[in-house]
């Protein structure tokens, strides 16, 4: 988990919302009515909100143990509901930067992993530990990475900034930044691939300030 306090999780979710509002509602600051409708009808938003709540509860437990345990209990039920109804689970031990966008929630399973800012996830994506041969390493995924439907990313590998992981890719080795990756096993198809139109909305680096 990146250094920081509960407030950092709050700011990450604020950036997530700004990205979702911009893409889905056309404005970072839509009307209150538009926000209410969006919260009531967008299930991808709820999956991201559940994950951020789990991160918040984890940090709360470090600062206020009793309240944190209660919050983690709420997260557990909320997460189980998402898994049962939406078939999606983003574990609270995953460390995901701001600007997370879930395009299609069904079948997304994310375990322990480190994922940078502006990640775009599609359905049936699995990210986490590799179990074979006792390898329990977790992936480290950079900023501005687009991950297509049915992709599997596992093991102690590094995916560079700006990569594009094509649909159906099974990736278990490092790939350099700005690579287009595809296949099973995953391999680099093209280098210096520009995925900016696919990412759609990019959150500035923390050093430059969030939107």
N, C-alpha and C. Protein backbone atom coordinates (compact mmCIF):
# COMPACT_ATOMS: atom_id res chain seq x y z
N UNK A 1 0.84 -1.18 0.00
CA UNK A 1 0.00 0.00 0.00
C UNK A 1 0.89 1.24 0.00
N UNK A 2 0.60 2.21 -0.85
CA UNK A 2 1.41 3.40 -0.90
C UNK A 2 1.32 4.16 0.41
N UNK A 3 2.41 4.86 0.83
CA UNK A 3 2.35 5.64 2.06
C UNK A 3 1.24 6.67 1.99
N UNK A 4 0.67 6.95 3.12
CA UNK A 4 -0.40 7.94 3.15
C UNK A 4 -1.46 7.58 4.15
N UNK A 5 -2.40 8.49 4.34
CA UNK A 5 -3.45 8.26 5.31
C UNK A 5 -4.78 8.06 4.60
N UNK A 6 -5.84 7.97 5.39
CA UNK A 6 -7.16 7.72 4.84
C UNK A 6 -7.52 8.74 3.77
N UNK A 7 -7.09 9.98 3.94
CA UNK A 7 -7.45 11.03 2.99
C UNK A 7 -6.95 10.75 1.59
N UNK A 8 -5.84 9.99 1.46
CA UNK A 8 -5.32 9.68 0.13
C UNK A 8 -6.29 8.81 -0.65
N UNK A 9 -6.94 7.85 0.03
CA UNK A 9 -7.92 7.01 -0.63
C UNK A 9 -9.10 7.86 -1.10
N UNK A 10 -9.50 8.82 -0.26
CA UNK A 10 -10.58 9.72 -0.64
C UNK A 10 -10.23 10.47 -1.93
N UNK A 11 -9.00 10.99 -2.01
CA UNK A 11 -8.62 11.77 -3.19
C UNK A 11 -8.52 10.89 -4.43
N UNK A 12 -8.08 9.62 -4.26
CA UNK A 12 -8.06 8.71 -5.40
C UNK A 12 -9.47 8.52 -5.96
N UNK A 13 -10.43 8.32 -5.09
CA UNK A 13 -11.80 8.10 -5.55
C UNK A 13 -12.37 9.37 -6.17
N UNK A 14 -11.99 10.53 -5.65
CA UNK A 14 -12.42 11.79 -6.26
C UNK A 14 -11.96 11.88 -7.71
N UNK A 15 -10.74 11.43 -7.96
CA UNK A 15 -10.22 11.44 -9.33
C UNK A 15 -10.96 10.40 -10.18
N UNK A 16 -11.21 9.22 -9.61
CA UNK A 16 -12.00 8.21 -10.34
C UNK A 16 -13.33 8.81 -10.79
N UNK A 17 -14.00 9.49 -9.87
CA UNK A 17 -15.30 10.07 -10.19
C UNK A 17 -15.19 11.13 -11.28
N UNK A 18 -14.16 11.99 -11.18
CA UNK A 18 -13.98 13.03 -12.21
C UNK A 18 -13.83 12.40 -13.58
N UNK A 19 -13.09 11.29 -13.64
CA UNK A 19 -12.90 10.60 -14.92
C UNK A 19 -14.21 10.01 -15.42
N UNK A 20 -14.93 9.31 -14.54
CA UNK A 20 -16.20 8.69 -14.94
C UNK A 20 -17.23 9.73 -15.34
N UNK A 21 -17.31 10.82 -14.58
CA UNK A 21 -18.26 11.88 -14.92
C UNK A 21 -17.94 12.47 -16.30
N UNK A 22 -16.65 12.72 -16.56
CA UNK A 22 -16.25 13.32 -17.83
C UNK A 22 -16.61 12.43 -19.01
N UNK A 23 -16.31 11.14 -18.87
CA UNK A 23 -16.55 10.21 -19.96
C UNK A 23 -18.03 9.91 -20.16
N UNK A 24 -18.75 9.71 -19.07
CA UNK A 24 -20.15 9.29 -19.17
C UNK A 24 -21.15 10.44 -19.18
N UNK A 25 -20.81 11.54 -18.53
CA UNK A 25 -21.77 12.64 -18.40
C UNK A 25 -21.31 13.92 -19.10
N UNK A 26 -20.07 13.89 -19.62
CA UNK A 26 -19.61 15.03 -20.40
C UNK A 26 -19.06 16.18 -19.60
N UNK A 27 -18.92 16.02 -18.28
CA UNK A 27 -18.42 17.10 -17.44
C UNK A 27 -17.83 16.53 -16.17
N UNK A 28 -16.74 17.12 -15.70
CA UNK A 28 -16.17 16.71 -14.43
C UNK A 28 -17.07 17.09 -13.26
N UNK A 29 -17.92 18.08 -13.49
CA UNK A 29 -18.80 18.56 -12.42
C UNK A 29 -20.24 18.63 -12.95
N UNK A 30 -20.86 17.48 -13.14
CA UNK A 30 -22.24 17.47 -13.64
C UNK A 30 -23.21 17.95 -12.57
N UNK A 31 -24.45 18.11 -12.97
CA UNK A 31 -25.48 18.56 -12.02
C UNK A 31 -25.73 17.48 -10.98
N UNK A 32 -26.34 17.89 -9.88
CA UNK A 32 -26.64 16.94 -8.81
C UNK A 32 -27.59 15.85 -9.31
N UNK A 33 -28.57 16.21 -10.12
CA UNK A 33 -29.50 15.22 -10.65
C UNK A 33 -28.78 14.19 -11.52
N UNK A 34 -27.86 14.67 -12.36
CA UNK A 34 -27.10 13.75 -13.21
C UNK A 34 -26.25 12.81 -12.36
N UNK A 35 -25.68 13.33 -11.29
CA UNK A 35 -24.87 12.49 -10.40
C UNK A 35 -25.73 11.41 -9.74
N UNK A 36 -26.90 11.80 -9.26
CA UNK A 36 -27.78 10.84 -8.60
C UNK A 36 -28.18 9.73 -9.56
N UNK A 37 -28.58 10.11 -10.76
CA UNK A 37 -28.94 9.10 -11.77
C UNK A 37 -27.78 8.16 -12.06
N UNK A 38 -26.60 8.74 -12.17
CA UNK A 38 -25.41 7.94 -12.48
C UNK A 38 -25.11 6.95 -11.36
N UNK A 39 -25.16 7.41 -10.13
CA UNK A 39 -24.90 6.53 -8.99
C UNK A 39 -25.94 5.41 -8.90
N UNK A 40 -27.17 5.70 -9.28
CA UNK A 40 -28.23 4.69 -9.18
C UNK A 40 -28.18 3.66 -10.30
N UNK A 41 -27.62 4.03 -11.43
CA UNK A 41 -27.73 3.16 -12.61
C UNK A 41 -26.41 2.58 -13.09
N UNK A 42 -25.27 3.12 -12.66
CA UNK A 42 -23.99 2.67 -13.20
C UNK A 42 -23.34 1.66 -12.25
N UNK A 43 -23.35 0.38 -12.64
CA UNK A 43 -22.83 -0.67 -11.77
C UNK A 43 -21.29 -0.69 -11.78
N UNK A 44 -20.68 -0.25 -12.86
CA UNK A 44 -19.22 -0.17 -12.87
C UNK A 44 -18.73 0.81 -11.81
N UNK A 45 -19.42 1.93 -11.67
CA UNK A 45 -19.09 2.89 -10.62
C UNK A 45 -19.16 2.23 -9.25
N UNK A 46 -20.17 1.43 -9.02
CA UNK A 46 -20.33 0.79 -7.72
C UNK A 46 -19.18 -0.17 -7.42
N UNK A 47 -18.69 -0.86 -8.44
CA UNK A 47 -17.56 -1.77 -8.24
C UNK A 47 -16.31 -1.00 -7.84
N UNK A 48 -16.05 0.13 -8.50
CA UNK A 48 -14.90 0.95 -8.14
C UNK A 48 -15.08 1.53 -6.74
N UNK A 49 -16.30 1.99 -6.43
CA UNK A 49 -16.58 2.55 -5.11
C UNK A 49 -16.35 1.52 -4.01
N UNK A 50 -16.74 0.28 -4.26
CA UNK A 50 -16.55 -0.79 -3.29
C UNK A 50 -15.06 -1.00 -3.03
N UNK A 51 -14.27 -1.04 -4.09
CA UNK A 51 -12.83 -1.22 -3.93
C UNK A 51 -12.23 -0.08 -3.12
N UNK A 52 -12.55 1.16 -3.47
CA UNK A 52 -12.00 2.31 -2.74
C UNK A 52 -12.46 2.29 -1.27
N UNK A 53 -13.68 1.85 -1.03
CA UNK A 53 -14.15 1.76 0.34
C UNK A 53 -13.32 0.73 1.11
N UNK A 54 -13.00 -0.39 0.48
CA UNK A 54 -12.17 -1.40 1.12
C UNK A 54 -10.79 -0.87 1.47
N UNK A 55 -10.21 -0.07 0.59
CA UNK A 55 -8.91 0.54 0.87
C UNK A 55 -9.02 1.53 2.03
N UNK A 56 -10.10 2.31 2.01
CA UNK A 56 -10.34 3.27 3.09
C UNK A 56 -10.49 2.55 4.42
N UNK A 57 -11.26 1.46 4.43
CA UNK A 57 -11.48 0.70 5.66
C UNK A 57 -10.18 0.10 6.18
N UNK A 58 -9.32 -0.35 5.27
CA UNK A 58 -8.04 -0.93 5.68
C UNK A 58 -7.18 0.11 6.39
N UNK A 59 -7.12 1.30 5.85
CA UNK A 59 -6.34 2.36 6.48
C UNK A 59 -7.01 2.86 7.76
N UNK A 60 -8.32 2.88 7.78
CA UNK A 60 -9.02 3.28 8.99
C UNK A 60 -8.70 2.33 10.14
N UNK A 61 -8.60 1.05 9.84
CA UNK A 61 -8.28 0.08 10.88
C UNK A 61 -6.90 0.35 11.49
N UNK A 62 -5.97 0.86 10.69
CA UNK A 62 -4.64 1.19 11.21
C UNK A 62 -4.70 2.37 12.17
N UNK A 63 -5.64 3.29 11.95
CA UNK A 63 -5.72 4.49 12.76
C UNK A 63 -6.73 4.38 13.89
N UNK A 64 -7.86 3.71 13.61
CA UNK A 64 -8.92 3.53 14.60
C UNK A 64 -9.41 2.08 14.50
N UNK A 65 -8.76 1.18 15.22
CA UNK A 65 -9.00 -0.26 15.03
C UNK A 65 -10.46 -0.69 15.10
N UNK A 66 -11.22 -0.21 16.09
CA UNK A 66 -12.60 -0.67 16.23
C UNK A 66 -13.46 -0.22 15.06
N UNK A 67 -13.36 1.05 14.70
CA UNK A 67 -14.13 1.54 13.56
C UNK A 67 -13.68 0.86 12.27
N UNK A 68 -12.38 0.61 12.16
CA UNK A 68 -11.85 -0.03 10.97
C UNK A 68 -12.38 -1.44 10.79
N UNK A 69 -12.47 -2.19 11.88
CA UNK A 69 -12.99 -3.55 11.80
C UNK A 69 -14.45 -3.53 11.35
N UNK A 70 -15.23 -2.59 11.89
CA UNK A 70 -16.64 -2.46 11.48
C UNK A 70 -16.74 -2.11 10.00
N UNK A 71 -15.89 -1.18 9.55
CA UNK A 71 -15.91 -0.79 8.13
C UNK A 71 -15.50 -1.95 7.23
N UNK A 72 -14.55 -2.75 7.68
CA UNK A 72 -14.13 -3.90 6.88
C UNK A 72 -15.26 -4.94 6.79
N UNK A 73 -16.06 -5.04 7.84
CA UNK A 73 -17.22 -5.92 7.78
C UNK A 73 -18.21 -5.47 6.72
N UNK A 74 -18.45 -4.15 6.64
CA UNK A 74 -19.33 -3.61 5.61
C UNK A 74 -18.75 -3.90 4.23
N UNK A 75 -17.44 -3.68 4.10
CA UNK A 75 -16.79 -3.96 2.81
C UNK A 75 -16.96 -5.42 2.43
N UNK A 76 -16.80 -6.33 3.38
CA UNK A 76 -16.89 -7.76 3.07
C UNK A 76 -18.25 -8.10 2.47
N UNK A 77 -19.33 -7.61 3.09
CA UNK A 77 -20.66 -7.89 2.56
C UNK A 77 -20.88 -7.23 1.20
N UNK A 78 -20.42 -5.99 1.06
CA UNK A 78 -20.56 -5.28 -0.21
C UNK A 78 -19.80 -6.00 -1.31
N UNK A 79 -18.58 -6.43 -1.00
CA UNK A 79 -17.76 -7.12 -1.98
C UNK A 79 -18.36 -8.47 -2.37
N UNK A 80 -18.89 -9.20 -1.38
CA UNK A 80 -19.55 -10.49 -1.68
C UNK A 80 -20.75 -10.28 -2.59
N UNK A 81 -21.47 -9.19 -2.35
CA UNK A 81 -22.65 -8.90 -3.18
C UNK A 81 -22.22 -8.62 -4.62
N UNK A 82 -21.17 -7.82 -4.78
CA UNK A 82 -20.67 -7.55 -6.12
C UNK A 82 -20.24 -8.83 -6.84
N UNK A 83 -19.59 -9.72 -6.09
CA UNK A 83 -19.13 -10.95 -6.70
C UNK A 83 -20.29 -11.84 -7.11
N UNK A 84 -21.32 -11.88 -6.27
CA UNK A 84 -22.48 -12.73 -6.55
C UNK A 84 -23.33 -12.17 -7.69
N UNK A 85 -23.55 -10.87 -7.68
CA UNK A 85 -24.47 -10.27 -8.66
C UNK A 85 -23.75 -9.85 -9.93
N UNK A 86 -22.59 -9.22 -9.79
CA UNK A 86 -21.90 -8.67 -10.96
C UNK A 86 -20.72 -9.54 -11.41
N UNK A 87 -20.40 -10.58 -10.63
CA UNK A 87 -19.27 -11.45 -10.96
C UNK A 87 -17.98 -10.64 -11.11
N UNK A 88 -17.80 -9.70 -10.20
CA UNK A 88 -16.62 -8.84 -10.21
C UNK A 88 -16.07 -8.69 -8.80
N UNK A 89 -14.75 -8.75 -8.68
CA UNK A 89 -14.13 -8.57 -7.37
C UNK A 89 -12.78 -7.88 -7.54
N UNK A 90 -12.66 -6.70 -6.96
CA UNK A 90 -11.39 -5.99 -6.92
C UNK A 90 -10.95 -6.00 -5.47
N UNK A 91 -9.99 -6.83 -5.13
CA UNK A 91 -9.58 -7.02 -3.76
C UNK A 91 -8.96 -5.77 -3.15
N UNK A 92 -9.17 -5.58 -1.87
CA UNK A 92 -8.66 -4.40 -1.20
C UNK A 92 -7.14 -4.41 -1.07
N UNK A 93 -6.50 -5.55 -1.29
CA UNK A 93 -5.03 -5.61 -1.23
C UNK A 93 -4.38 -5.18 -2.55
N UNK A 94 -5.18 -5.00 -3.57
CA UNK A 94 -4.65 -4.42 -4.81
C UNK A 94 -4.39 -2.94 -4.57
N UNK A 95 -3.26 -2.45 -5.05
CA UNK A 95 -2.89 -1.04 -4.89
C UNK A 95 -3.04 -0.37 -6.26
N UNK A 96 -4.15 0.32 -6.45
CA UNK A 96 -4.49 0.90 -7.75
C UNK A 96 -4.51 2.42 -7.65
N UNK A 97 -3.82 3.08 -8.55
CA UNK A 97 -3.75 4.52 -8.55
C UNK A 97 -5.05 5.18 -8.97
N UNK A 98 -5.09 6.52 -8.95
CA UNK A 98 -6.30 7.25 -9.29
C UNK A 98 -6.63 7.15 -10.77
N UNK A 99 -7.89 7.41 -11.10
CA UNK A 99 -8.31 7.37 -12.49
C UNK A 99 -8.66 5.98 -12.98
N UNK A 100 -9.05 5.10 -12.07
CA UNK A 100 -9.46 3.74 -12.46
C UNK A 100 -10.80 3.79 -13.19
N UNK A 101 -10.86 3.12 -14.35
CA UNK A 101 -12.09 3.08 -15.12
C UNK A 101 -12.43 1.64 -15.47
N UNK A 102 -13.58 1.17 -15.02
CA UNK A 102 -14.08 -0.16 -15.37
C UNK A 102 -15.12 0.02 -16.47
N UNK A 103 -14.82 -0.49 -17.64
CA UNK A 103 -15.72 -0.33 -18.78
C UNK A 103 -16.86 -1.34 -18.76
N UNK A 104 -16.53 -2.58 -18.43
CA UNK A 104 -17.53 -3.64 -18.34
C UNK A 104 -17.15 -4.49 -17.14
N UNK A 105 -18.01 -4.57 -16.17
CA UNK A 105 -17.64 -5.14 -14.87
C UNK A 105 -17.59 -6.66 -14.84
N UNK A 106 -18.38 -7.36 -15.64
CA UNK A 106 -18.59 -8.80 -15.48
C UNK A 106 -17.28 -9.58 -15.64
N UNK A 107 -17.00 -10.43 -14.66
CA UNK A 107 -15.86 -11.32 -14.74
C UNK A 107 -14.53 -10.72 -14.36
N UNK A 108 -14.49 -9.49 -13.85
CA UNK A 108 -13.23 -8.88 -13.45
C UNK A 108 -12.82 -9.41 -12.08
N UNK A 109 -11.63 -10.00 -12.02
CA UNK A 109 -11.09 -10.50 -10.76
C UNK A 109 -9.68 -9.94 -10.61
N UNK A 110 -9.48 -9.13 -9.58
CA UNK A 110 -8.16 -8.56 -9.33
C UNK A 110 -7.76 -8.89 -7.90
N UNK A 111 -6.65 -9.60 -7.78
CA UNK A 111 -6.09 -9.92 -6.48
C UNK A 111 -4.96 -8.97 -6.16
N UNK A 112 -3.99 -9.41 -5.35
CA UNK A 112 -2.85 -8.54 -5.02
C UNK A 112 -2.10 -8.12 -6.29
N UNK A 113 -1.92 -6.83 -6.46
CA UNK A 113 -1.21 -6.29 -7.61
C UNK A 113 -0.95 -4.82 -7.34
N UNK A 114 -0.01 -4.25 -8.07
CA UNK A 114 0.24 -2.81 -8.03
C UNK A 114 -0.06 -2.27 -9.41
N UNK A 115 -1.02 -1.36 -9.49
CA UNK A 115 -1.48 -0.82 -10.77
C UNK A 115 -1.44 0.70 -10.69
N UNK A 116 -0.90 1.34 -11.71
CA UNK A 116 -0.75 2.79 -11.71
C UNK A 116 -2.04 3.54 -12.00
N UNK A 117 -1.91 4.80 -12.31
CA UNK A 117 -3.06 5.65 -12.58
C UNK A 117 -3.59 5.44 -14.00
N UNK A 118 -4.84 5.82 -14.21
CA UNK A 118 -5.50 5.81 -15.53
C UNK A 118 -5.66 4.42 -16.13
N UNK A 119 -5.79 3.41 -15.30
CA UNK A 119 -5.98 2.06 -15.82
C UNK A 119 -7.42 1.89 -16.34
N UNK A 120 -7.55 1.26 -17.50
CA UNK A 120 -8.86 0.95 -18.07
C UNK A 120 -9.01 -0.57 -18.11
N UNK A 121 -10.09 -1.08 -17.50
CA UNK A 121 -10.34 -2.51 -17.41
C UNK A 121 -11.61 -2.88 -18.17
N UNK A 122 -11.55 -3.98 -18.90
CA UNK A 122 -12.73 -4.52 -19.55
C UNK A 122 -13.12 -5.85 -18.90
N UNK A 123 -14.18 -6.46 -19.38
CA UNK A 123 -14.72 -7.65 -18.73
C UNK A 123 -13.80 -8.86 -18.85
N UNK A 124 -14.00 -9.79 -17.92
CA UNK A 124 -13.27 -11.07 -17.89
C UNK A 124 -11.76 -10.89 -17.77
N UNK A 125 -11.34 -9.85 -17.09
CA UNK A 125 -9.91 -9.63 -16.84
C UNK A 125 -9.54 -10.24 -15.50
N UNK A 126 -8.41 -10.94 -15.47
CA UNK A 126 -7.88 -11.51 -14.23
C UNK A 126 -6.46 -11.01 -14.02
N UNK A 127 -6.22 -10.45 -12.83
CA UNK A 127 -4.88 -9.93 -12.50
C UNK A 127 -4.54 -10.41 -11.10
N UNK A 128 -3.35 -11.00 -10.94
CA UNK A 128 -2.97 -11.42 -9.60
C UNK A 128 -1.77 -12.33 -9.57
N UNK A 129 -1.65 -13.09 -8.49
CA UNK A 129 -0.52 -13.97 -8.28
C UNK A 129 -0.52 -15.12 -9.29
N UNK A 130 0.68 -15.57 -9.61
CA UNK A 130 0.82 -16.79 -10.39
C UNK A 130 1.01 -17.94 -9.40
N UNK A 131 0.24 -18.99 -9.54
CA UNK A 131 0.26 -20.09 -8.59
C UNK A 131 1.24 -21.19 -8.99
N UNK A 132 1.45 -21.38 -10.29
CA UNK A 132 2.28 -22.48 -10.77
C UNK A 132 3.69 -22.39 -10.22
N UNK A 133 4.26 -23.55 -9.90
CA UNK A 133 5.65 -23.68 -9.44
C UNK A 133 5.93 -22.88 -8.18
N UNK A 134 4.89 -22.63 -7.41
CA UNK A 134 5.08 -21.93 -6.14
C UNK A 134 5.44 -20.47 -6.28
N UNK A 135 5.21 -19.89 -7.45
CA UNK A 135 5.53 -18.48 -7.69
C UNK A 135 4.36 -17.63 -7.23
N UNK A 136 4.56 -16.88 -6.15
CA UNK A 136 3.48 -16.07 -5.60
C UNK A 136 3.71 -14.58 -5.82
N UNK A 137 4.57 -14.24 -6.78
CA UNK A 137 4.79 -12.84 -7.08
C UNK A 137 3.56 -12.20 -7.69
N UNK A 138 3.49 -10.86 -7.58
CA UNK A 138 2.32 -10.14 -8.10
C UNK A 138 2.76 -9.16 -9.19
N UNK A 139 1.87 -8.83 -10.12
CA UNK A 139 2.23 -7.92 -11.20
C UNK A 139 2.37 -6.47 -10.72
N UNK A 140 3.24 -5.75 -11.40
CA UNK A 140 3.34 -4.30 -11.25
C UNK A 140 3.02 -3.70 -12.61
N UNK A 141 1.94 -2.96 -12.67
CA UNK A 141 1.42 -2.40 -13.92
C UNK A 141 1.54 -0.89 -13.86
N UNK A 142 2.08 -0.28 -14.90
CA UNK A 142 2.35 1.15 -14.90
C UNK A 142 1.12 2.01 -15.13
N UNK A 143 1.36 3.28 -15.38
CA UNK A 143 0.30 4.25 -15.63
C UNK A 143 -0.21 4.12 -17.07
N UNK A 144 -1.45 4.56 -17.28
CA UNK A 144 -2.03 4.68 -18.63
C UNK A 144 -2.04 3.35 -19.38
N UNK A 145 -2.44 2.30 -18.70
CA UNK A 145 -2.47 0.97 -19.31
C UNK A 145 -3.91 0.57 -19.61
N UNK A 146 -4.16 0.13 -20.84
CA UNK A 146 -5.48 -0.33 -21.28
C UNK A 146 -5.45 -1.85 -21.33
N UNK A 147 -6.41 -2.48 -20.65
CA UNK A 147 -6.44 -3.95 -20.56
C UNK A 147 -7.75 -4.45 -21.15
N UNK A 148 -7.66 -5.21 -22.24
CA UNK A 148 -8.82 -5.62 -22.99
C UNK A 148 -9.53 -6.83 -22.42
N UNK A 149 -10.69 -7.17 -22.97
CA UNK A 149 -11.50 -8.29 -22.48
C UNK A 149 -10.75 -9.61 -22.49
N UNK A 150 -10.94 -10.37 -21.43
CA UNK A 150 -10.38 -11.71 -21.37
C UNK A 150 -8.89 -11.80 -21.10
N UNK A 151 -8.24 -10.69 -20.78
CA UNK A 151 -6.80 -10.71 -20.53
C UNK A 151 -6.50 -11.31 -19.16
N UNK A 152 -5.39 -12.01 -19.08
CA UNK A 152 -4.89 -12.56 -17.82
C UNK A 152 -3.46 -12.07 -17.62
N UNK A 153 -3.21 -11.43 -16.48
CA UNK A 153 -1.88 -10.92 -16.15
C UNK A 153 -1.50 -11.49 -14.80
N UNK A 154 -0.42 -12.26 -14.75
CA UNK A 154 -0.11 -12.94 -13.50
C UNK A 154 1.39 -13.02 -13.26
N UNK A 155 1.74 -13.12 -11.97
CA UNK A 155 3.13 -13.31 -11.59
C UNK A 155 3.88 -12.03 -11.34
N UNK A 156 5.12 -12.18 -10.94
CA UNK A 156 5.97 -11.04 -10.60
C UNK A 156 6.55 -10.42 -11.87
N UNK A 157 5.68 -9.76 -12.63
CA UNK A 157 6.09 -9.15 -13.90
C UNK A 157 5.84 -7.66 -13.84
N UNK A 158 6.48 -6.95 -14.75
CA UNK A 158 6.30 -5.50 -14.86
C UNK A 158 5.74 -5.16 -16.23
N UNK A 159 4.64 -4.43 -16.22
CA UNK A 159 4.02 -3.93 -17.46
C UNK A 159 4.27 -2.43 -17.49
N UNK A 160 4.99 -1.97 -18.50
CA UNK A 160 5.40 -0.58 -18.55
C UNK A 160 4.27 0.40 -18.78
N UNK A 161 4.55 1.68 -18.52
CA UNK A 161 3.57 2.75 -18.74
C UNK A 161 3.10 2.75 -20.18
N UNK A 162 1.82 3.06 -20.35
CA UNK A 162 1.28 3.26 -21.69
C UNK A 162 1.08 2.00 -22.50
N UNK A 163 1.11 0.83 -21.85
CA UNK A 163 0.93 -0.42 -22.60
C UNK A 163 -0.54 -0.67 -22.94
N UNK A 164 -0.75 -1.45 -23.97
CA UNK A 164 -2.08 -1.87 -24.39
C UNK A 164 -2.09 -3.39 -24.43
N UNK A 165 -2.92 -4.00 -23.59
CA UNK A 165 -3.00 -5.46 -23.51
C UNK A 165 -4.24 -5.89 -24.28
N UNK A 166 -4.04 -6.52 -25.42
CA UNK A 166 -5.16 -6.86 -26.30
C UNK A 166 -6.06 -7.93 -25.69
N UNK A 167 -7.27 -8.02 -26.22
CA UNK A 167 -8.25 -9.00 -25.74
C UNK A 167 -7.68 -10.41 -25.83
N UNK A 168 -7.91 -11.20 -24.78
CA UNK A 168 -7.51 -12.59 -24.77
C UNK A 168 -6.04 -12.85 -24.49
N UNK A 169 -5.29 -11.83 -24.18
CA UNK A 169 -3.86 -12.00 -23.92
C UNK A 169 -3.63 -12.71 -22.59
N UNK A 170 -2.70 -13.63 -22.56
CA UNK A 170 -2.25 -14.28 -21.32
C UNK A 170 -0.80 -13.88 -21.13
N UNK A 171 -0.56 -12.98 -20.17
CA UNK A 171 0.74 -12.35 -20.02
C UNK A 171 1.40 -12.78 -18.73
N UNK A 172 2.63 -13.31 -18.86
CA UNK A 172 3.36 -13.75 -17.66
C UNK A 172 4.83 -13.37 -17.75
N UNK A 173 5.15 -12.34 -18.55
CA UNK A 173 6.53 -11.85 -18.61
C UNK A 173 6.51 -10.33 -18.79
N UNK A 174 7.64 -9.70 -18.48
CA UNK A 174 7.74 -8.25 -18.54
C UNK A 174 7.52 -7.74 -19.97
N UNK A 175 6.93 -6.54 -20.05
CA UNK A 175 6.83 -5.87 -21.35
C UNK A 175 7.23 -4.40 -21.17
N UNK A 176 7.93 -3.83 -22.13
CA UNK A 176 8.40 -2.45 -22.01
C UNK A 176 7.27 -1.44 -22.19
N UNK A 177 7.51 -0.19 -21.81
CA UNK A 177 6.48 0.85 -21.95
C UNK A 177 6.00 1.00 -23.40
N UNK A 178 4.75 1.43 -23.52
CA UNK A 178 4.13 1.78 -24.82
C UNK A 178 4.13 0.61 -25.80
N UNK A 179 3.97 -0.60 -25.24
CA UNK A 179 3.91 -1.79 -26.10
C UNK A 179 2.46 -2.19 -26.35
N UNK A 180 2.21 -2.70 -27.55
CA UNK A 180 0.95 -3.37 -27.85
C UNK A 180 1.22 -4.86 -27.69
N UNK A 181 0.47 -5.50 -26.78
CA UNK A 181 0.75 -6.89 -26.43
C UNK A 181 -0.46 -7.75 -26.79
N UNK A 182 -0.22 -8.95 -27.29
CA UNK A 182 -1.32 -9.84 -27.62
C UNK A 182 -0.85 -11.29 -27.66
N UNK A 183 -1.82 -12.21 -27.66
CA UNK A 183 -1.52 -13.61 -27.82
C UNK A 183 -1.45 -14.40 -26.53
N UNK A 184 -1.32 -15.72 -26.70
CA UNK A 184 -1.18 -16.65 -25.58
C UNK A 184 -0.09 -17.65 -25.94
N UNK A 185 1.10 -17.49 -25.38
CA UNK A 185 1.50 -16.51 -24.36
C UNK A 185 1.64 -15.11 -24.95
N UNK A 186 1.45 -14.11 -24.09
CA UNK A 186 1.50 -12.73 -24.55
C UNK A 186 2.88 -12.33 -25.05
N UNK A 187 2.89 -11.57 -26.14
CA UNK A 187 4.16 -11.10 -26.70
C UNK A 187 3.94 -9.69 -27.24
N UNK A 188 5.03 -8.98 -27.41
CA UNK A 188 4.96 -7.61 -27.93
C UNK A 188 4.71 -7.66 -29.43
N UNK A 189 3.61 -7.06 -29.85
CA UNK A 189 3.24 -7.02 -31.27
C UNK A 189 3.77 -5.74 -31.93
N UNK A 190 3.73 -4.64 -31.17
CA UNK A 190 4.20 -3.36 -31.70
C UNK A 190 4.77 -2.53 -30.56
N UNK A 191 5.76 -1.71 -30.88
CA UNK A 191 6.35 -0.81 -29.90
C UNK A 191 5.94 0.63 -30.21
N UNK A 192 6.08 1.49 -29.22
CA UNK A 192 5.68 2.89 -29.36
C UNK A 192 4.24 3.01 -29.84
N UNK A 193 3.38 2.18 -29.27
CA UNK A 193 1.96 2.18 -29.64
C UNK A 193 1.24 3.27 -28.83
N UNK A 194 0.50 4.10 -29.53
CA UNK A 194 -0.18 5.24 -28.88
C UNK A 194 -1.60 4.83 -28.49
N UNK A 195 -1.86 4.70 -27.19
CA UNK A 195 -3.19 4.30 -26.72
C UNK A 195 -3.97 5.45 -26.10
N UNK A 196 -3.57 6.68 -26.37
CA UNK A 196 -4.21 7.82 -25.71
C UNK A 196 -5.70 7.93 -26.00
N UNK A 197 -6.11 7.61 -27.21
CA UNK A 197 -7.54 7.68 -27.52
C UNK A 197 -8.32 6.57 -26.82
N UNK A 198 -7.65 5.47 -26.51
CA UNK A 198 -8.31 4.36 -25.81
C UNK A 198 -8.44 4.67 -24.32
N UNK A 199 -7.41 5.31 -23.76
CA UNK A 199 -7.47 5.71 -22.35
C UNK A 199 -8.51 6.80 -22.16
N UNK A 200 -8.58 7.70 -23.13
CA UNK A 200 -9.66 8.69 -23.24
C UNK A 200 -9.48 9.90 -22.33
N UNK A 201 -9.24 9.68 -21.07
CA UNK A 201 -9.16 10.77 -20.09
C UNK A 201 -7.98 10.45 -19.19
N UNK A 202 -6.99 11.33 -19.17
CA UNK A 202 -5.76 11.05 -18.43
C UNK A 202 -5.67 11.95 -17.21
N UNK A 203 -5.46 11.33 -16.07
CA UNK A 203 -5.27 12.07 -14.82
C UNK A 203 -3.83 12.54 -14.76
N UNK A 204 -3.59 13.83 -14.49
CA UNK A 204 -2.20 14.30 -14.38
C UNK A 204 -1.46 13.60 -13.26
N UNK A 205 -0.14 13.64 -13.37
CA UNK A 205 0.69 13.07 -12.31
C UNK A 205 0.41 13.79 -11.01
N UNK A 206 0.57 13.08 -9.88
CA UNK A 206 0.31 13.67 -8.56
C UNK A 206 1.15 14.94 -8.34
N UNK A 207 2.36 14.91 -8.84
CA UNK A 207 3.23 16.06 -8.63
C UNK A 207 2.68 17.32 -9.28
N UNK A 208 1.92 17.12 -10.37
CA UNK A 208 1.33 18.25 -11.07
C UNK A 208 -0.04 18.61 -10.54
N UNK A 209 -0.57 17.77 -9.65
CA UNK A 209 -1.90 18.03 -9.11
C UNK A 209 -2.96 17.26 -9.84
N UNK A 210 -3.98 16.85 -9.15
CA UNK A 210 -5.09 16.14 -9.77
C UNK A 210 -6.12 17.11 -10.29
N UNK A 211 -6.99 16.70 -11.23
CA UNK A 211 -7.95 17.62 -11.84
C UNK A 211 -8.98 18.09 -10.84
